[in-house]
Amino acid sequence: MMDKVGAVITPGTTQVLDRKTNQLVACDKFTCPYAIDGVNHAPYAANVGWTGVVYAKAAANVKDAAYSFLSYMSQPAQSNVDVTIGTTGFNPYRISQFENSDPWIKAGLSSEAANNYLGAIGVSLNSSNIVLNLSIPHNQQYQFEVLDAVVSKFLVNKITKDEAMQQIAQGWEQITNQVGRESQRAAYRASLGL
């Protein structure tokens, strides 16, 4: 089974939506400033940046234990192994993990597969056009309760493309109206550093 699967940057497109005209237009240096050979890639970095925290009001021994655990998990000796195990949910995140394919080879990948995988993730994470996970209140509802549910129905031909788009728009509008459009707008802008 080895070397039957490969990895690449998320496929791109040679056209993008012009929001003024609501029409697709060809990529050029203005419409797709990050295009590679005329193809606009926007790799999606879902759930990038896991974080560990230590509760400031915890007992000293609990804080010490939490810190020790987070330190242990983050150090190269453990993290270099954890990123090669699918069940951990960790992707490589240290520069050294991209530079050394030995842990992946030790985990059972061929040299070619390890380098292919690390190369695809590296290109994606280094893209100037990377799309980060939605970082606003209720993002789980937008993405998992509405988007994933509707896309799942669409992929098994239970609904049409137009029905899917309508259901997503309606579901997202409902969440936004419940939470508050202006507070969501402010949270989104803050997540972008604006």
N, C-alpha and C. Protein backbone atom coordinates (compact mmCIF):
# COMPACT_ATOMS: atom_id res chain seq x y z
N MET A 1 0.81 -1.20 0.00
CA MET A 1 0.00 0.00 0.00
C MET A 1 0.85 1.26 0.00
N MET A 2 2.12 1.16 0.35
CA MET A 2 2.96 2.35 0.46
C MET A 2 3.05 3.09 -0.87
N ASP A 3 3.07 4.40 -0.80
CA ASP A 3 3.25 5.30 -1.94
C ASP A 3 2.08 5.26 -2.93
N LYS A 4 0.89 5.00 -2.44
CA LYS A 4 -0.31 5.00 -3.30
C LYS A 4 -1.06 6.32 -3.21
N VAL A 5 -0.67 7.19 -2.27
CA VAL A 5 -1.36 8.46 -2.05
C VAL A 5 -0.31 9.57 -2.02
N GLY A 6 -0.67 10.74 -2.52
CA GLY A 6 0.23 11.88 -2.47
C GLY A 6 -0.44 13.07 -1.82
N ALA A 7 0.31 14.12 -1.66
CA ALA A 7 -0.21 15.35 -1.06
C ALA A 7 0.21 16.53 -1.91
N VAL A 8 -0.68 17.49 -2.07
CA VAL A 8 -0.39 18.71 -2.83
C VAL A 8 -1.06 19.89 -2.14
N ILE A 9 -0.64 21.08 -2.51
CA ILE A 9 -1.32 22.28 -2.06
C ILE A 9 -2.77 22.22 -2.57
N THR A 10 -3.69 22.83 -1.83
CA THR A 10 -5.08 22.84 -2.25
C THR A 10 -5.18 23.33 -3.69
N PRO A 11 -5.94 22.63 -4.54
CA PRO A 11 -6.07 23.08 -5.93
C PRO A 11 -6.54 24.53 -6.00
N GLY A 12 -6.12 25.21 -7.03
CA GLY A 12 -6.48 26.62 -7.19
C GLY A 12 -7.36 26.83 -8.40
N THR A 13 -7.48 28.09 -8.79
CA THR A 13 -8.33 28.45 -9.91
C THR A 13 -7.68 29.58 -10.69
N THR A 14 -8.02 29.69 -11.95
CA THR A 14 -7.51 30.78 -12.78
C THR A 14 -8.50 31.93 -12.86
N GLN A 15 -9.63 31.80 -12.13
CA GLN A 15 -10.63 32.85 -12.09
C GLN A 15 -11.04 33.12 -10.64
N VAL A 16 -11.42 34.35 -10.37
CA VAL A 16 -11.93 34.72 -9.05
C VAL A 16 -13.17 35.58 -9.22
N LEU A 17 -13.93 35.69 -8.15
CA LEU A 17 -15.16 36.47 -8.18
C LEU A 17 -14.85 37.95 -8.04
N ASP A 18 -15.34 38.73 -8.97
CA ASP A 18 -15.29 40.19 -8.87
C ASP A 18 -16.55 40.60 -8.12
N ARG A 19 -16.39 41.03 -6.89
CA ARG A 19 -17.54 41.31 -6.03
C ARG A 19 -18.36 42.51 -6.51
N LYS A 20 -17.77 43.38 -7.33
CA LYS A 20 -18.53 44.53 -7.85
C LYS A 20 -19.51 44.09 -8.93
N THR A 21 -19.07 43.15 -9.78
CA THR A 21 -19.93 42.70 -10.89
C THR A 21 -20.60 41.37 -10.62
N ASN A 22 -20.14 40.68 -9.57
CA ASN A 22 -20.63 39.34 -9.23
C ASN A 22 -20.37 38.34 -10.37
N GLN A 23 -19.29 38.57 -11.11
CA GLN A 23 -18.91 37.70 -12.22
C GLN A 23 -17.50 37.16 -11.98
N LEU A 24 -17.22 35.99 -12.56
CA LEU A 24 -15.87 35.45 -12.51
C LEU A 24 -15.00 36.22 -13.50
N VAL A 25 -13.79 36.56 -13.06
CA VAL A 25 -12.84 37.25 -13.93
C VAL A 25 -11.52 36.49 -13.89
N ALA A 26 -10.75 36.65 -14.95
CA ALA A 26 -9.46 35.96 -15.04
C ALA A 26 -8.48 36.51 -14.01
N CYS A 27 -7.64 35.63 -13.51
CA CYS A 27 -6.58 36.05 -12.59
C CYS A 27 -5.56 36.90 -13.33
N ASP A 28 -5.16 37.96 -12.70
CA ASP A 28 -4.03 38.76 -13.16
C ASP A 28 -3.30 39.25 -11.91
N LYS A 29 -2.31 40.11 -12.08
CA LYS A 29 -1.51 40.52 -10.92
C LYS A 29 -2.31 41.36 -9.92
N PHE A 30 -3.47 41.85 -10.33
CA PHE A 30 -4.30 42.65 -9.43
C PHE A 30 -5.38 41.80 -8.76
N THR A 31 -6.03 40.94 -9.54
CA THR A 31 -7.12 40.13 -8.98
C THR A 31 -6.60 38.94 -8.17
N CYS A 32 -5.41 38.47 -8.51
CA CYS A 32 -4.82 37.31 -7.81
C CYS A 32 -3.35 37.59 -7.54
N PRO A 33 -3.05 38.51 -6.62
CA PRO A 33 -1.65 38.90 -6.41
C PRO A 33 -0.76 37.78 -5.90
N TYR A 34 -1.34 36.72 -5.37
CA TYR A 34 -0.53 35.61 -4.83
C TYR A 34 -0.57 34.38 -5.74
N ALA A 35 -1.06 34.53 -6.93
CA ALA A 35 -1.16 33.40 -7.85
C ALA A 35 0.22 32.83 -8.16
N ILE A 36 0.24 31.53 -8.40
CA ILE A 36 1.46 30.83 -8.80
C ILE A 36 1.24 30.36 -10.23
N ASP A 37 2.01 30.90 -11.16
CA ASP A 37 1.86 30.57 -12.58
C ASP A 37 0.42 30.78 -13.06
N GLY A 38 -0.21 31.85 -12.61
CA GLY A 38 -1.56 32.19 -13.05
C GLY A 38 -2.67 31.46 -12.31
N VAL A 39 -2.32 30.63 -11.34
CA VAL A 39 -3.33 29.87 -10.58
C VAL A 39 -3.38 30.42 -9.16
N ASN A 40 -4.57 30.83 -8.74
CA ASN A 40 -4.78 31.37 -7.40
C ASN A 40 -5.08 30.23 -6.44
N HIS A 41 -4.12 29.95 -5.56
CA HIS A 41 -4.30 28.94 -4.52
C HIS A 41 -4.64 29.65 -3.22
N ALA A 42 -5.55 29.09 -2.46
CA ALA A 42 -5.89 29.63 -1.14
C ALA A 42 -5.95 28.45 -0.17
N PRO A 43 -4.79 27.92 0.23
CA PRO A 43 -4.79 26.74 1.11
C PRO A 43 -5.49 27.04 2.44
N TYR A 44 -6.24 26.08 2.90
CA TYR A 44 -7.03 26.23 4.12
C TYR A 44 -6.29 25.62 5.30
N ALA A 45 -6.04 26.42 6.30
CA ALA A 45 -5.34 25.95 7.50
C ALA A 45 -6.35 25.78 8.62
N ALA A 46 -7.10 24.71 8.57
CA ALA A 46 -8.12 24.47 9.59
C ALA A 46 -7.50 24.20 10.94
N ASN A 47 -8.05 24.80 11.96
CA ASN A 47 -7.64 24.56 13.34
C ASN A 47 -6.15 24.71 13.57
N VAL A 48 -5.54 25.62 12.85
CA VAL A 48 -4.11 25.83 13.03
C VAL A 48 -3.88 26.56 14.35
N GLY A 49 -2.86 26.17 15.08
CA GLY A 49 -2.49 26.87 16.28
C GLY A 49 -3.18 26.40 17.54
N TRP A 50 -3.04 25.14 17.89
CA TRP A 50 -3.57 24.66 19.16
C TRP A 50 -2.84 25.39 20.29
N THR A 51 -3.53 25.61 21.36
CA THR A 51 -2.96 26.35 22.47
C THR A 51 -3.20 25.62 23.78
N GLY A 52 -2.22 25.66 24.65
CA GLY A 52 -2.38 25.14 26.00
C GLY A 52 -2.33 26.30 26.97
N VAL A 53 -3.12 26.24 28.00
CA VAL A 53 -3.15 27.32 28.99
C VAL A 53 -3.06 26.74 30.40
N VAL A 54 -2.61 27.58 31.31
CA VAL A 54 -2.54 27.21 32.72
C VAL A 54 -3.41 28.21 33.48
N TYR A 55 -4.38 27.70 34.22
CA TYR A 55 -5.31 28.54 34.97
C TYR A 55 -4.56 29.26 36.09
N ALA A 56 -4.57 30.58 36.05
CA ALA A 56 -3.80 31.39 36.98
C ALA A 56 -4.22 31.20 38.43
N LYS A 57 -5.47 30.87 38.69
CA LYS A 57 -5.96 30.75 40.07
C LYS A 57 -5.87 29.32 40.61
N ALA A 58 -5.29 28.42 39.83
CA ALA A 58 -5.14 27.03 40.29
C ALA A 58 -4.08 26.98 41.38
N ALA A 59 -4.12 25.90 42.14
CA ALA A 59 -3.10 25.67 43.17
C ALA A 59 -1.74 25.55 42.49
N ALA A 60 -0.71 25.95 43.21
CA ALA A 60 0.65 25.96 42.64
C ALA A 60 1.05 24.60 42.08
N ASN A 61 0.71 23.51 42.78
CA ASN A 61 1.11 22.19 42.28
C ASN A 61 0.35 21.83 41.00
N VAL A 62 -0.88 22.31 40.86
CA VAL A 62 -1.66 22.07 39.65
C VAL A 62 -1.08 22.88 38.49
N LYS A 63 -0.71 24.12 38.75
CA LYS A 63 -0.09 24.95 37.71
C LYS A 63 1.23 24.33 37.25
N ASP A 64 2.02 23.86 38.21
CA ASP A 64 3.30 23.23 37.88
C ASP A 64 3.09 21.98 37.03
N ALA A 65 2.10 21.18 37.39
CA ALA A 65 1.81 19.95 36.64
C ALA A 65 1.34 20.29 35.23
N ALA A 66 0.46 21.27 35.11
CA ALA A 66 -0.04 21.68 33.78
C ALA A 66 1.10 22.19 32.92
N TYR A 67 1.94 23.02 33.49
CA TYR A 67 3.08 23.55 32.75
C TYR A 67 4.02 22.42 32.32
N SER A 68 4.29 21.50 33.22
CA SER A 68 5.17 20.37 32.90
C SER A 68 4.61 19.53 31.76
N PHE A 69 3.30 19.28 31.81
CA PHE A 69 2.66 18.50 30.74
C PHE A 69 2.76 19.22 29.40
N LEU A 70 2.41 20.52 29.37
CA LEU A 70 2.45 21.28 28.12
C LEU A 70 3.88 21.37 27.60
N SER A 71 4.82 21.53 28.50
CA SER A 71 6.24 21.58 28.10
C SER A 71 6.65 20.25 27.48
N TYR A 72 6.30 19.16 28.15
CA TYR A 72 6.63 17.82 27.65
C TYR A 72 6.06 17.59 26.24
N MET A 73 4.78 17.95 26.06
CA MET A 73 4.12 17.72 24.76
C MET A 73 4.74 18.57 23.65
N SER A 74 5.27 19.73 24.01
CA SER A 74 5.78 20.67 23.01
C SER A 74 7.25 20.48 22.66
N GLN A 75 8.00 19.82 23.51
CA GLN A 75 9.43 19.65 23.25
C GLN A 75 9.65 18.72 22.05
N PRO A 76 10.73 18.95 21.31
CA PRO A 76 10.98 18.15 20.11
C PRO A 76 10.96 16.64 20.33
N ALA A 77 11.49 16.16 21.44
CA ALA A 77 11.55 14.71 21.66
C ALA A 77 10.16 14.08 21.56
N GLN A 78 9.13 14.73 22.10
CA GLN A 78 7.78 14.18 22.05
C GLN A 78 7.03 14.67 20.82
N SER A 79 7.11 15.96 20.53
CA SER A 79 6.32 16.51 19.42
C SER A 79 6.76 15.95 18.08
N ASN A 80 8.04 15.64 17.92
CA ASN A 80 8.52 15.07 16.66
C ASN A 80 7.93 13.69 16.40
N VAL A 81 7.58 12.98 17.45
CA VAL A 81 6.91 11.68 17.31
C VAL A 81 5.41 11.92 17.11
N ASP A 82 4.82 12.80 17.93
CA ASP A 82 3.37 13.02 17.88
C ASP A 82 2.88 13.48 16.51
N VAL A 83 3.68 14.29 15.80
CA VAL A 83 3.23 14.78 14.49
C VAL A 83 3.18 13.67 13.44
N THR A 84 3.81 12.53 13.72
CA THR A 84 3.80 11.43 12.76
C THR A 84 2.67 10.44 13.02
N ILE A 85 1.90 10.66 14.08
CA ILE A 85 0.83 9.75 14.47
C ILE A 85 -0.50 10.41 14.18
N GLY A 86 -1.26 9.88 13.28
CA GLY A 86 -2.52 10.51 12.87
C GLY A 86 -3.51 10.74 13.99
N THR A 87 -3.53 9.85 14.98
CA THR A 87 -4.54 9.98 16.03
C THR A 87 -4.30 11.16 16.97
N THR A 88 -3.10 11.75 16.95
CA THR A 88 -2.84 12.91 17.82
C THR A 88 -3.52 14.16 17.29
N GLY A 89 -3.76 14.21 15.98
CA GLY A 89 -4.33 15.41 15.38
C GLY A 89 -3.30 16.49 15.11
N PHE A 90 -2.04 16.24 15.42
CA PHE A 90 -0.99 17.24 15.22
C PHE A 90 -0.42 17.12 13.81
N ASN A 91 -0.25 18.24 13.17
CA ASN A 91 0.53 18.33 11.94
C ASN A 91 1.88 18.93 12.31
N PRO A 92 2.88 18.79 11.46
CA PRO A 92 4.17 19.39 11.79
C PRO A 92 4.02 20.91 11.98
N TYR A 93 4.72 21.43 12.98
CA TYR A 93 4.61 22.86 13.26
C TYR A 93 5.95 23.51 13.59
N ARG A 94 6.97 22.71 13.76
CA ARG A 94 8.31 23.24 13.99
C ARG A 94 9.07 23.22 12.68
N ILE A 95 9.92 24.20 12.46
CA ILE A 95 10.74 24.22 11.25
C ILE A 95 11.54 22.92 11.14
N SER A 96 12.07 22.47 12.26
CA SER A 96 12.87 21.24 12.23
C SER A 96 12.05 20.03 11.78
N GLN A 97 10.74 20.05 12.01
CA GLN A 97 9.89 18.93 11.60
C GLN A 97 9.69 18.89 10.09
N PHE A 98 9.91 20.02 9.45
CA PHE A 98 9.84 20.06 7.98
C PHE A 98 11.20 19.73 7.36
N GLU A 99 12.25 19.94 8.10
CA GLU A 99 13.60 19.74 7.57
C GLU A 99 14.11 18.32 7.71
N ASN A 100 13.46 17.52 8.57
CA ASN A 100 13.95 16.18 8.83
C ASN A 100 12.80 15.18 8.65
N SER A 101 12.87 14.40 7.61
CA SER A 101 11.81 13.42 7.34
C SER A 101 12.03 12.09 8.06
N ASP A 102 13.13 11.96 8.79
CA ASP A 102 13.42 10.70 9.47
C ASP A 102 12.30 10.21 10.39
N PRO A 103 11.67 11.08 11.20
CA PRO A 103 10.58 10.57 12.06
C PRO A 103 9.42 9.97 11.25
N TRP A 104 9.13 10.53 10.08
CA TRP A 104 8.05 9.99 9.25
C TRP A 104 8.46 8.65 8.65
N ILE A 105 9.72 8.56 8.25
CA ILE A 105 10.22 7.30 7.69
C ILE A 105 10.19 6.23 8.79
N LYS A 106 10.61 6.60 10.01
CA LYS A 106 10.59 5.68 11.13
C LYS A 106 9.15 5.24 11.45
N ALA A 107 8.18 6.13 11.18
CA ALA A 107 6.76 5.82 11.44
C ALA A 107 6.15 4.96 10.34
N GLY A 108 6.90 4.72 9.25
CA GLY A 108 6.41 3.81 8.22
C GLY A 108 6.23 4.40 6.84
N LEU A 109 6.48 5.70 6.66
CA LEU A 109 6.37 6.29 5.32
C LEU A 109 7.67 6.05 4.56
N SER A 110 7.56 6.01 3.26
CA SER A 110 8.78 5.96 2.46
C SER A 110 9.38 7.36 2.45
N SER A 111 10.60 7.47 2.06
CA SER A 111 11.26 8.78 1.97
C SER A 111 10.51 9.68 1.00
N GLU A 112 10.08 9.11 -0.12
CA GLU A 112 9.35 9.89 -1.13
C GLU A 112 8.02 10.40 -0.57
N ALA A 113 7.27 9.53 0.11
CA ALA A 113 5.98 9.94 0.67
C ALA A 113 6.16 10.98 1.77
N ALA A 114 7.16 10.80 2.62
CA ALA A 114 7.40 11.76 3.70
C ALA A 114 7.74 13.14 3.14
N ASN A 115 8.62 13.17 2.17
CA ASN A 115 9.01 14.45 1.58
C ASN A 115 7.86 15.09 0.80
N ASN A 116 7.04 14.27 0.15
CA ASN A 116 5.87 14.78 -0.56
C ASN A 116 4.90 15.43 0.42
N TYR A 117 4.61 14.73 1.51
CA TYR A 117 3.68 15.21 2.53
C TYR A 117 4.19 16.50 3.18
N LEU A 118 5.44 16.48 3.63
CA LEU A 118 6.00 17.66 4.28
C LEU A 118 6.10 18.84 3.32
N GLY A 119 6.40 18.55 2.06
CA GLY A 119 6.47 19.62 1.06
C GLY A 119 5.13 20.28 0.83
N ALA A 120 4.08 19.47 0.73
CA ALA A 120 2.73 20.03 0.49
C ALA A 120 2.27 20.88 1.66
N ILE A 121 2.48 20.39 2.88
CA ILE A 121 2.09 21.18 4.05
C ILE A 121 2.94 22.44 4.15
N GLY A 122 4.23 22.31 3.90
CA GLY A 122 5.12 23.47 3.97
C GLY A 122 4.73 24.55 2.98
N VAL A 123 4.44 24.17 1.74
CA VAL A 123 4.02 25.15 0.73
C VAL A 123 2.71 25.81 1.16
N SER A 124 1.79 25.02 1.69
CA SER A 124 0.51 25.57 2.12
C SER A 124 0.69 26.56 3.26
N LEU A 125 1.45 26.18 4.29
CA LEU A 125 1.62 27.06 5.45
C LEU A 125 2.42 28.31 5.13
N ASN A 126 3.25 28.25 4.11
CA ASN A 126 4.03 29.42 3.72
C ASN A 126 3.35 30.29 2.68
N SER A 127 2.16 29.93 2.28
CA SER A 127 1.43 30.70 1.27
C SER A 127 1.01 32.06 1.84
N SER A 128 1.22 33.09 1.07
CA SER A 128 0.76 34.43 1.46
C SER A 128 -0.75 34.55 1.35
N ASN A 129 -1.38 33.55 0.75
CA ASN A 129 -2.82 33.58 0.52
C ASN A 129 -3.55 32.53 1.37
N ILE A 130 -2.93 32.11 2.46
CA ILE A 130 -3.51 31.06 3.30
C ILE A 130 -4.82 31.54 3.93
N VAL A 131 -5.77 30.64 4.04
CA VAL A 131 -7.06 30.94 4.65
C VAL A 131 -7.07 30.29 6.03
N LEU A 132 -7.24 31.11 7.04
CA LEU A 132 -7.27 30.59 8.40
C LEU A 132 -8.69 30.23 8.80
N ASN A 133 -8.79 29.41 9.81
CA ASN A 133 -10.08 29.01 10.35
C ASN A 133 -10.86 30.25 10.79
N LEU A 134 -12.16 30.21 10.66
CA LEU A 134 -13.02 31.30 11.11
C LEU A 134 -12.86 31.45 12.62
N SER A 135 -12.47 32.63 13.07
CA SER A 135 -12.17 32.86 14.48
C SER A 135 -13.12 33.90 15.07
N ILE A 136 -14.38 33.55 15.14
CA ILE A 136 -15.38 34.43 15.73
C ILE A 136 -16.27 33.60 16.65
N PRO A 137 -17.00 34.26 17.54
CA PRO A 137 -17.92 33.50 18.39
C PRO A 137 -18.89 32.67 17.54
N HIS A 138 -19.17 31.49 17.98
CA HIS A 138 -20.11 30.56 17.34
C HIS A 138 -19.58 29.99 16.02
N ASN A 139 -18.24 30.05 15.81
CA ASN A 139 -17.69 29.51 14.57
C ASN A 139 -18.03 28.03 14.39
N GLN A 140 -18.15 27.30 15.49
CA GLN A 140 -18.50 25.88 15.39
C GLN A 140 -19.89 25.71 14.79
N GLN A 141 -20.81 26.58 15.16
CA GLN A 141 -22.15 26.50 14.59
C GLN A 141 -22.12 26.79 13.10
N TYR A 142 -21.42 27.86 12.69
CA TYR A 142 -21.33 28.21 11.27
C TYR A 142 -20.74 27.06 10.47
N GLN A 143 -19.61 26.55 10.95
CA GLN A 143 -18.85 25.59 10.15
C GLN A 143 -19.33 24.15 10.28
N PHE A 144 -19.64 23.72 11.49
CA PHE A 144 -19.93 22.31 11.66
C PHE A 144 -21.43 22.00 11.69
N GLU A 145 -22.20 22.85 12.34
CA GLU A 145 -23.64 22.57 12.40
C GLU A 145 -24.34 22.93 11.10
N VAL A 146 -23.88 24.00 10.44
CA VAL A 146 -24.54 24.41 9.20
C VAL A 146 -23.75 23.95 7.98
N LEU A 147 -22.55 24.47 7.79
CA LEU A 147 -21.78 24.19 6.58
C LEU A 147 -21.56 22.70 6.35
N ASP A 148 -20.99 22.00 7.34
CA ASP A 148 -20.70 20.58 7.15
C ASP A 148 -21.96 19.76 6.89
N ALA A 149 -23.04 20.07 7.61
CA ALA A 149 -24.28 19.31 7.42
C ALA A 149 -24.82 19.50 6.01
N VAL A 150 -24.81 20.73 5.52
CA VAL A 150 -25.34 21.01 4.18
C VAL A 150 -24.43 20.43 3.10
N VAL A 151 -23.13 20.61 3.25
CA VAL A 151 -22.19 20.06 2.26
C VAL A 151 -22.32 18.53 2.19
N SER A 152 -22.51 17.89 3.34
CA SER A 152 -22.69 16.44 3.36
C SER A 152 -23.92 16.03 2.55
N LYS A 153 -25.01 16.75 2.70
CA LYS A 153 -26.22 16.44 1.92
C LYS A 153 -25.97 16.68 0.43
N PHE A 154 -25.24 17.74 0.11
CA PHE A 154 -24.95 18.05 -1.29
C PHE A 154 -24.07 16.97 -1.92
N LEU A 155 -23.06 16.51 -1.19
CA LEU A 155 -22.12 15.53 -1.73
C LEU A 155 -22.75 14.18 -2.03
N VAL A 156 -23.85 13.86 -1.36
CA VAL A 156 -24.54 12.59 -1.65
C VAL A 156 -25.80 12.82 -2.49
N ASN A 157 -25.83 13.98 -3.15
CA ASN A 157 -26.90 14.32 -4.10
C ASN A 157 -28.29 14.36 -3.49
N LYS A 158 -28.38 14.73 -2.20
CA LYS A 158 -29.70 14.89 -1.58
C LYS A 158 -30.28 16.27 -1.85
N ILE A 159 -29.39 17.24 -2.14
CA ILE A 159 -29.83 18.59 -2.49
C ILE A 159 -28.98 19.11 -3.64
N THR A 160 -29.49 20.10 -4.34
CA THR A 160 -28.76 20.69 -5.46
C THR A 160 -27.78 21.74 -4.96
N LYS A 161 -26.92 22.21 -5.86
CA LYS A 161 -25.97 23.26 -5.52
C LYS A 161 -26.71 24.50 -5.04
N ASP A 162 -27.77 24.89 -5.76
CA ASP A 162 -28.52 26.09 -5.37
C ASP A 162 -29.19 25.91 -4.01
N GLU A 163 -29.73 24.72 -3.75
CA GLU A 163 -30.34 24.46 -2.44
C GLU A 163 -29.29 24.51 -1.34
N ALA A 164 -28.11 23.98 -1.62
CA ALA A 164 -27.03 24.01 -0.64
C ALA A 164 -26.64 25.45 -0.32
N MET A 165 -26.45 26.25 -1.35
CA MET A 165 -26.07 27.64 -1.13
C MET A 165 -27.15 28.38 -0.34
N GLN A 166 -28.40 28.12 -0.66
CA GLN A 166 -29.50 28.78 0.04
C GLN A 166 -29.55 28.34 1.51
N GLN A 167 -29.39 27.05 1.77
CA GLN A 167 -29.44 26.55 3.14
C GLN A 167 -28.28 27.09 3.98
N ILE A 168 -27.10 27.16 3.39
CA ILE A 168 -25.95 27.71 4.11
C ILE A 168 -26.19 29.18 4.42
N ALA A 169 -26.60 29.94 3.42
CA ALA A 169 -26.86 31.37 3.63
C ALA A 169 -27.91 31.58 4.71
N GLN A 170 -28.99 30.81 4.66
CA GLN A 170 -30.05 30.96 5.65
C GLN A 170 -29.57 30.58 7.06
N GLY A 171 -28.83 29.47 7.15
CA GLY A 171 -28.32 29.03 8.44
C GLY A 171 -27.35 30.03 9.05
N TRP A 172 -26.47 30.56 8.21
CA TRP A 172 -25.50 31.55 8.70
C TRP A 172 -26.19 32.85 9.10
N GLU A 173 -27.17 33.27 8.32
CA GLU A 173 -27.93 34.49 8.66
C GLU A 173 -28.64 34.32 9.99
N GLN A 174 -29.21 33.14 10.23
CA GLN A 174 -29.92 32.89 11.48
C GLN A 174 -28.95 33.01 12.67
N ILE A 175 -27.78 32.40 12.55
CA ILE A 175 -26.79 32.49 13.63
C ILE A 175 -26.36 33.94 13.83
N THR A 176 -26.05 34.62 12.74
CA THR A 176 -25.58 36.00 12.82
C THR A 176 -26.63 36.90 13.44
N ASN A 177 -27.89 36.71 13.08
CA ASN A 177 -28.97 37.52 13.65
C ASN A 177 -29.15 37.24 15.14
N GLN A 178 -28.98 35.98 15.55
CA GLN A 178 -29.12 35.63 16.97
C GLN A 178 -27.97 36.20 17.80
N VAL A 179 -26.75 36.12 17.27
CA VAL A 179 -25.57 36.56 18.02
C VAL A 179 -25.42 38.07 17.97
N GLY A 180 -25.75 38.65 16.83
CA GLY A 180 -25.61 40.10 16.62
C GLY A 180 -24.63 40.39 15.51
N ARG A 181 -25.13 40.96 14.45
CA ARG A 181 -24.32 41.21 13.25
C ARG A 181 -23.13 42.12 13.55
N GLU A 182 -23.33 43.19 14.28
CA GLU A 182 -22.24 44.13 14.53
C GLU A 182 -21.17 43.52 15.44
N SER A 183 -21.59 42.74 16.43
CA SER A 183 -20.58 42.11 17.30
C SER A 183 -19.79 41.06 16.51
N GLN A 184 -20.44 40.37 15.59
CA GLN A 184 -19.73 39.39 14.75
C GLN A 184 -18.77 40.10 13.80
N ARG A 185 -19.23 41.20 13.24
CA ARG A 185 -18.36 41.98 12.33
C ARG A 185 -17.12 42.46 13.09
N ALA A 186 -17.33 42.96 14.30
CA ALA A 186 -16.19 43.44 15.11
C ALA A 186 -15.25 42.30 15.46
N ALA A 187 -15.80 41.14 15.82
CA ALA A 187 -14.96 39.98 16.17
C ALA A 187 -14.16 39.52 14.94
N TYR A 188 -14.79 39.50 13.77
CA TYR A 188 -14.11 39.08 12.55
C TYR A 188 -12.98 40.05 12.20
N ARG A 189 -13.27 41.33 12.26
CA ARG A 189 -12.23 42.32 11.97
C ARG A 189 -11.07 42.21 12.95
N ALA A 190 -11.39 41.98 14.21
CA ALA A 190 -10.33 41.83 15.22
C ALA A 190 -9.49 40.59 14.93
N SER A 191 -10.14 39.50 14.46
CA SER A 191 -9.40 38.28 14.15
C SER A 191 -8.43 38.48 13.00
N LEU A 192 -8.70 39.47 12.15
CA LEU A 192 -7.82 39.78 11.03
C LEU A 192 -6.78 40.83 11.40
N GLY A 193 -6.87 41.34 12.63
CA GLY A 193 -5.93 42.37 13.07
C GLY A 193 -6.27 43.74 12.55
N LEU A 194 -7.53 43.96 12.20
CA LEU A 194 -7.95 45.26 11.68
C LEU A 194 -8.55 46.14 12.75
